[in-house]
């Protein structure tokens, strides 16, 4: 594996805080109480990470 290929994979970890913050802010604009915010944000994070994993797997498969 070329050394630069590992660096491109490490950039994927930068998506995690971005998704977490996005989901919390989006859920906070929809709800008032903290319990509803965290429940909605957790659900949205699950769907978003699933979607991103499927897209990543599909693109990895297509580039081989």
PDB file of N, CA and C in Angstrom:
ATOM      1  N   UNK A   1       0.851  -1.173   0.000  1.00  0.00           N
ATOM      2  CA  UNK A   1       0.000   0.000   0.000  1.00  0.00           C
ATOM      3  C   UNK A   1       0.897   1.237   0.000  1.00  0.00           C
ATOM      4  N   UNK A   2       0.658   2.149  -0.942  1.00  0.00           N
ATOM      5  CA  UNK A   2       1.455   3.379  -0.950  1.00  0.00           C
ATOM      6  C   UNK A   2       1.207   4.211   0.308  1.00  0.00           C
ATOM      7  N   UNK A   3       2.199   4.954   0.736  1.00  0.00           N
ATOM      8  CA  UNK A   3       2.036   5.726   1.982  1.00  0.00           C
ATOM      9  C   UNK A   3       0.940   6.788   1.890  1.00  0.00           C
ATOM     10  N   UNK A   4       0.688   7.337   0.718  1.00  0.00           N
ATOM     11  CA  UNK A   4      -0.342   8.366   0.592  1.00  0.00           C
ATOM     12  C   UNK A   4      -1.749   7.783   0.649  1.00  0.00           C
ATOM     13  N   UNK A   5      -1.884   6.502   0.342  1.00  0.00           N
ATOM     14  CA  UNK A   5      -3.201   5.864   0.432  1.00  0.00           C
ATOM     15  C   UNK A   5      -3.666   5.816   1.883  1.00  0.00           C
ATOM     16  N   UNK A   6      -2.745   5.619   2.813  1.00  0.00           N
ATOM     17  CA  UNK A   6      -3.099   5.607   4.228  1.00  0.00           C
ATOM     18  C   UNK A   6      -3.545   6.989   4.691  1.00  0.00           C
ATOM     19  N   UNK A   7      -2.923   8.027   4.185  1.00  0.00           N
ATOM     20  CA  UNK A   7      -3.310   9.386   4.565  1.00  0.00           C
ATOM     21  C   UNK A   7      -4.716   9.731   4.084  1.00  0.00           C
ATOM     22  N   UNK A   8      -5.099   9.260   2.912  1.00  0.00           N
ATOM     23  CA  UNK A   8      -6.455   9.545   2.437  1.00  0.00           C
ATOM     24  C   UNK A   8      -7.478   8.815   3.279  1.00  0.00           C
ATOM     25  N   UNK A   9      -7.152   7.643   3.789  1.00  0.00           N
ATOM     26  CA  UNK A   9      -8.076   6.924   4.658  1.00  0.00           C
ATOM     27  C   UNK A   9      -8.233   7.622   6.001  1.00  0.00           C
ATOM     28  N   UNK A  10      -7.180   8.260   6.482  1.00  0.00           N
ATOM     29  CA  UNK A  10      -7.253   8.955   7.761  1.00  0.00           C
ATOM     30  C   UNK A  10      -8.172  10.176   7.701  1.00  0.00           C
ATOM     31  N   UNK A  11      -8.388  10.727   6.525  1.00  0.00           N
ATOM     32  CA  UNK A  11      -9.296  11.862   6.388  1.00  0.00           C
ATOM     33  C   UNK A  11     -10.744  11.474   6.658  1.00  0.00           C
ATOM     34  N   UNK A  12     -11.048  10.201   6.557  1.00  0.00           N
ATOM     35  CA  UNK A  12     -12.414   9.739   6.825  1.00  0.00           C
ATOM     36  C   UNK A  12     -12.780   9.992   8.281  1.00  0.00           C
ATOM     37  N   UNK A  13     -11.818   9.927   9.191  1.00  0.00           N
ATOM     38  CA  UNK A  13     -12.090  10.154  10.613  1.00  0.00           C
ATOM     39  C   UNK A  13     -12.531  11.587  10.888  1.00  0.00           C
ATOM     40  N   UNK A  14     -12.247  12.501   9.994  1.00  0.00           N
ATOM     41  CA  UNK A  14     -12.681  13.885  10.174  1.00  0.00           C
ATOM     42  C   UNK A  14     -14.188  14.042   9.982  1.00  0.00           C
ATOM     43  N   UNK A  15     -14.820  13.054   9.382  1.00  0.00           N
ATOM     44  CA  UNK A  15     -16.266  13.105   9.143  1.00  0.00           C
ATOM     45  C   UNK A  15     -17.030  12.916  10.453  1.00  0.00           C
ATOM     46  N   UNK A  16     -16.488  12.179  11.377  1.00  0.00           N
ATOM     47  CA  UNK A  16     -17.209  11.844  12.610  1.00  0.00           C
ATOM     48  C   UNK A  16     -17.593  13.095  13.408  1.00  0.00           C
ATOM     49  N   UNK A  17     -16.660  13.987  13.760  1.00  0.00           N
ATOM     50  CA  UNK A  17     -17.099  15.172  14.517  1.00  0.00           C
ATOM     51  C   UNK A  17     -18.008  16.076  13.703  1.00  0.00           C
ATOM     52  N   UNK A  18     -17.802  16.128  12.396  1.00  0.00           N
ATOM     53  CA  UNK A  18     -18.656  16.950  11.550  1.00  0.00           C
ATOM     54  C   UNK A  18     -20.098  16.451  11.575  1.00  0.00           C
ATOM     55  N   UNK A  19     -20.290  15.143  11.474  1.00  0.00           N
ATOM     56  CA  UNK A  19     -21.635  14.571  11.508  1.00  0.00           C
ATOM     57  C   UNK A  19     -22.268  14.761  12.882  1.00  0.00           C
ATOM     58  N   UNK A  20     -21.510  14.570  13.937  1.00  0.00           N
ATOM     59  CA  UNK A  20     -22.047  14.714  15.290  1.00  0.00           C
ATOM     60  C   UNK A  20     -22.533  16.145  15.525  1.00  0.00           C
ATOM     61  N   UNK A  21     -21.707  17.120  15.174  1.00  0.00           N
ATOM     62  CA  UNK A  21     -22.087  18.517  15.377  1.00  0.00           C
ATOM     63  C   UNK A  21     -23.268  18.888  14.495  1.00  0.00           C
ATOM     64  N   UNK A  22     -23.258  18.454  13.247  1.00  0.00           N
ATOM     65  CA  UNK A  22     -24.369  18.754  12.350  1.00  0.00           C
ATOM     66  C   UNK A  22     -25.682  18.187  12.892  1.00  0.00           C
ATOM     67  N   UNK A  23     -25.665  16.951  13.343  1.00  0.00           N
ATOM     68  CA  UNK A  23     -26.881  16.320  13.846  1.00  0.00           C
ATOM     69  C   UNK A  23     -27.391  16.995  15.120  1.00  0.00           C
ATOM     70  N   UNK A  24     -26.485  17.380  16.000  1.00  0.00           N
ATOM     71  CA  UNK A  24     -26.912  18.063  17.219  1.00  0.00           C
ATOM     72  C   UNK A  24     -27.522  19.428  16.921  1.00  0.00           C
ATOM     73  N   UNK A  25     -26.920  20.178  16.015  1.00  0.00           N
ATOM     74  CA  UNK A  25     -27.460  21.491  15.673  1.00  0.00           C
ATOM     75  C   UNK A  25     -28.801  21.342  14.957  1.00  0.00           C
ATOM     76  N   UNK A  26     -28.891  20.402  14.043  1.00  0.00           N
ATOM     77  CA  UNK A  26     -30.148  20.200  13.324  1.00  0.00           C
ATOM     78  C   UNK A  26     -31.263  19.779  14.278  1.00  0.00           C
ATOM     79  N   UNK A  27     -30.960  18.869  15.184  1.00  0.00           N
ATOM     80  CA  UNK A  27     -31.971  18.420  16.137  1.00  0.00           C
ATOM     81  C   UNK A  27     -32.349  19.538  17.101  1.00  0.00           C
ATOM     82  N   UNK A  28     -31.400  20.396  17.446  1.00  0.00           N
ATOM     83  CA  UNK A  28     -31.703  21.500  18.360  1.00  0.00           C
ATOM     84  C   UNK A  28     -32.611  22.531  17.721  1.00  0.00           C
ATOM     85  N   UNK A  29     -32.579  22.633  16.392  1.00  0.00           N
ATOM     86  CA  UNK A  29     -33.489  23.568  15.733  1.00  0.00           C
ATOM     87  C   UNK A  29     -34.897  23.013  15.635  1.00  0.00           C
ATOM     88  N   UNK A  30     -35.061  21.715  15.866  1.00  0.00           N
ATOM     89  CA  UNK A  30     -36.375  21.090  15.754  1.00  0.00           C
ATOM     90  C   UNK A  30     -37.057  20.870  17.102  1.00  0.00           C
ATOM     91  N   UNK A  31     -36.282  20.765  18.169  1.00  0.00           N
ATOM     92  CA  UNK A  31     -36.845  20.421  19.475  1.00  0.00           C
ATOM     93  C   UNK A  31     -36.394  21.413  20.535  1.00  0.00           C
ATOM     94  N   UNK A  32     -37.095  21.394  21.661  1.00  0.00           N
ATOM     95  CA  UNK A  32     -36.792  22.319  22.758  1.00  0.00           C
ATOM     96  C   UNK A  32     -36.052  21.640  23.909  1.00  0.00           C
ATOM     97  N   UNK A  33     -36.504  20.461  24.320  1.00  0.00           N
ATOM     98  CA  UNK A  33     -35.900  19.817  25.490  1.00  0.00           C
ATOM     99  C   UNK A  33     -34.729  18.922  25.080  1.00  0.00           C
ATOM    100  N   UNK A  34     -33.799  18.747  26.031  1.00  0.00           N
ATOM    101  CA  UNK A  34     -32.554  18.034  25.747  1.00  0.00           C
ATOM    102  C   UNK A  34     -32.784  16.567  25.392  1.00  0.00           C
ATOM    103  N   UNK A  35     -33.752  15.926  26.033  1.00  0.00           N
ATOM    104  CA  UNK A  35     -34.002  14.511  25.761  1.00  0.00           C
ATOM    105  C   UNK A  35     -34.404  14.305  24.302  1.00  0.00           C
ATOM    106  N   UNK A  36     -35.286  15.146  23.806  1.00  0.00           N
ATOM    107  CA  UNK A  36     -35.722  15.041  22.412  1.00  0.00           C
ATOM    108  C   UNK A  36     -34.592  15.380  21.444  1.00  0.00           C
ATOM    109  N   UNK A  37     -33.769  16.347  21.828  1.00  0.00           N
ATOM    110  CA  UNK A  37     -32.649  16.736  20.964  1.00  0.00           C
ATOM    111  C   UNK A  37     -31.683  15.567  20.797  1.00  0.00           C
ATOM    112  N   UNK A  38     -31.290  14.946  21.913  1.00  0.00           N
ATOM    113  CA  UNK A  38     -30.318  13.848  21.829  1.00  0.00           C
ATOM    114  C   UNK A  38     -30.910  12.607  21.167  1.00  0.00           C
ATOM    115  N   UNK A  39     -32.187  12.369  21.373  1.00  0.00           N
ATOM    116  CA  UNK A  39     -32.826  11.214  20.727  1.00  0.00           C
ATOM    117  C   UNK A  39     -32.879  11.417  19.213  1.00  0.00           C
ATOM    118  N   UNK A  40     -33.291  12.594  18.782  1.00  0.00           N
ATOM    119  CA  UNK A  40     -33.366  12.883  17.361  1.00  0.00           C
ATOM    120  C   UNK A  40     -31.977  12.911  16.731  1.00  0.00           C
ATOM    121  N   UNK A  41     -31.010  13.505  17.425  1.00  0.00           N
ATOM    122  CA  UNK A  41     -29.640  13.569  16.909  1.00  0.00           C
ATOM    123  C   UNK A  41     -29.040  12.166  16.798  1.00  0.00           C
ATOM    124  N   UNK A  42     -29.305  11.311  17.777  1.00  0.00           N
ATOM    125  CA  UNK A  42     -28.788   9.940  17.707  1.00  0.00           C
ATOM    126  C   UNK A  42     -29.372   9.166  16.547  1.00  0.00           C
ATOM    127  N   UNK A  43     -30.651   9.321  16.327  1.00  0.00           N
ATOM    128  CA  UNK A  43     -31.292   8.658  15.196  1.00  0.00           C
ATOM    129  C   UNK A  43     -30.737   9.175  13.876  1.00  0.00           C
ATOM    130  N   UNK A  44     -30.593  10.478  13.774  1.00  0.00           N
ATOM    131  CA  UNK A  44     -30.070  11.072  12.551  1.00  0.00           C
ATOM    132  C   UNK A  44     -28.620  10.657  12.311  1.00  0.00           C
ATOM    133  N   UNK A  45     -27.821  10.571  13.380  1.00  0.00           N
ATOM    134  CA  UNK A  45     -26.433  10.121  13.239  1.00  0.00           C
ATOM    135  C   UNK A  45     -26.365   8.702  12.722  1.00  0.00           C
ATOM    136  N   UNK A  46     -27.230   7.844  13.244  1.00  0.00           N
ATOM    137  CA  UNK A  46     -27.251   6.463  12.771  1.00  0.00           C
ATOM    138  C   UNK A  46     -27.549   6.371  11.288  1.00  0.00           C
ATOM    139  N   UNK A  47     -28.572   7.080  10.839  1.00  0.00           N
ATOM    140  CA  UNK A  47     -28.925   7.073   9.422  1.00  0.00           C
ATOM    141  C   UNK A  47     -27.828   7.684   8.566  1.00  0.00           C
ATOM    142  N   UNK A  48     -27.225   8.764   9.046  1.00  0.00           N
ATOM    143  CA  UNK A  48     -26.202   9.430   8.256  1.00  0.00           C
ATOM    144  C   UNK A  48     -24.934   8.579   8.142  1.00  0.00           C
ATOM    145  N   UNK A  49     -24.520   7.956   9.252  1.00  0.00           N
ATOM    146  CA  UNK A  49     -23.342   7.089   9.186  1.00  0.00           C
ATOM    147  C   UNK A  49     -23.604   5.864   8.320  1.00  0.00           C
ATOM    148  N   UNK A  50     -24.810   5.331   8.374  1.00  0.00           N
ATOM    149  CA  UNK A  50     -25.154   4.195   7.513  1.00  0.00           C
ATOM    150  C   UNK A  50     -25.092   4.606   6.046  1.00  0.00           C
ATOM    151  N   UNK A  51     -25.680   5.744   5.721  1.00  0.00           N
ATOM    152  CA  UNK A  51     -25.652   6.233   4.347  1.00  0.00           C
ATOM    153  C   UNK A  51     -24.216   6.469   3.872  1.00  0.00           C
ATOM    154  N   UNK A  52     -23.405   7.121   4.699  1.00  0.00           N
ATOM    155  CA  UNK A  52     -22.016   7.398   4.321  1.00  0.00           C
ATOM    156  C   UNK A  52     -21.206   6.109   4.172  1.00  0.00           C
ATOM    157  N   UNK A  53     -21.476   5.117   5.013  1.00  0.00           N
ATOM    158  CA  UNK A  53     -20.769   3.837   4.893  1.00  0.00           C
ATOM    159  C   UNK A  53     -21.136   3.116   3.596  1.00  0.00           C
ATOM    160  N   UNK A  54     -22.405   3.172   3.234  1.00  0.00           N
ATOM    161  CA  UNK A  54     -22.830   2.530   1.987  1.00  0.00           C
ATOM    162  C   UNK A  54     -22.209   3.231   0.785  1.00  0.00           C
ATOM    163  N   UNK A  55     -22.210   4.554   0.794  1.00  0.00           N
ATOM    164  CA  UNK A  55     -21.597   5.307  -0.309  1.00  0.00           C
ATOM    165  C   UNK A  55     -20.105   5.030  -0.377  1.00  0.00           C
ATOM    166  N   UNK A  56     -19.441   4.997   0.768  1.00  0.00           N
ATOM    167  CA  UNK A  56     -18.002   4.713   0.791  1.00  0.00           C
ATOM    168  C   UNK A  56     -17.708   3.307   0.263  1.00  0.00           C
ATOM    169  N   UNK A  57     -18.507   2.331   0.702  1.00  0.00           N
ATOM    170  CA  UNK A  57     -18.298   0.960   0.222  1.00  0.00           C
ATOM    171  C   UNK A  57     -18.550   0.857  -1.268  1.00  0.00           C
ATOM    172  N   UNK A  58     -19.571   1.514  -1.757  1.00  0.00           N
ATOM    173  CA  UNK A  58     -19.882   1.489  -3.175  1.00  0.00           C
ATOM    174  C   UNK A  58     -18.767   2.140  -3.997  1.00  0.00           C
ATOM    175  N   UNK A  59     -18.279   3.279  -3.553  1.00  0.00           N
ATOM    176  CA  UNK A  59     -17.197   3.937  -4.276  1.00  0.00           C
ATOM    177  C   UNK A  59     -15.900   3.141  -4.190  1.00  0.00           C
ATOM    178  N   UNK A  60     -15.630   2.509  -3.063  1.00  0.00           N
ATOM    179  CA  UNK A  60     -14.426   1.665  -2.955  1.00  0.00           C
ATOM    180  C   UNK A  60     -14.519   0.475  -3.885  1.00  0.00           C
ATOM    181  N   UNK A  61     -15.715  -0.076  -3.985  1.00  0.00           N
ATOM    182  CA  UNK A  61     -15.906  -1.231  -4.873  1.00  0.00           C
ATOM    183  C   UNK A  61     -15.777  -0.823  -6.334  1.00  0.00           C
ATOM    184  N   UNK A  62     -16.289   0.341  -6.689  1.00  0.00           N
ATOM    185  CA  UNK A  62     -16.239   0.790  -8.076  1.00  0.00           C
ATOM    186  C   UNK A  62     -14.828   1.186  -8.520  1.00  0.00           C
ATOM    187  N   UNK A  63     -13.985   1.604  -7.604  1.00  0.00           N
ATOM    188  CA  UNK A  63     -12.634   2.038  -7.986  1.00  0.00           C
ATOM    189  C   UNK A  63     -11.629   0.894  -8.039  1.00  0.00           C
ATOM    190  N   UNK A  64     -12.022  -0.283  -7.744  1.00  0.00           N
ATOM    191  CA  UNK A  64     -11.080  -1.419  -7.817  1.00  0.00           C
ATOM    192  C   UNK A  64     -10.975  -1.949  -9.196  1.00  0.00           C
TER     193      UNK A  64
END
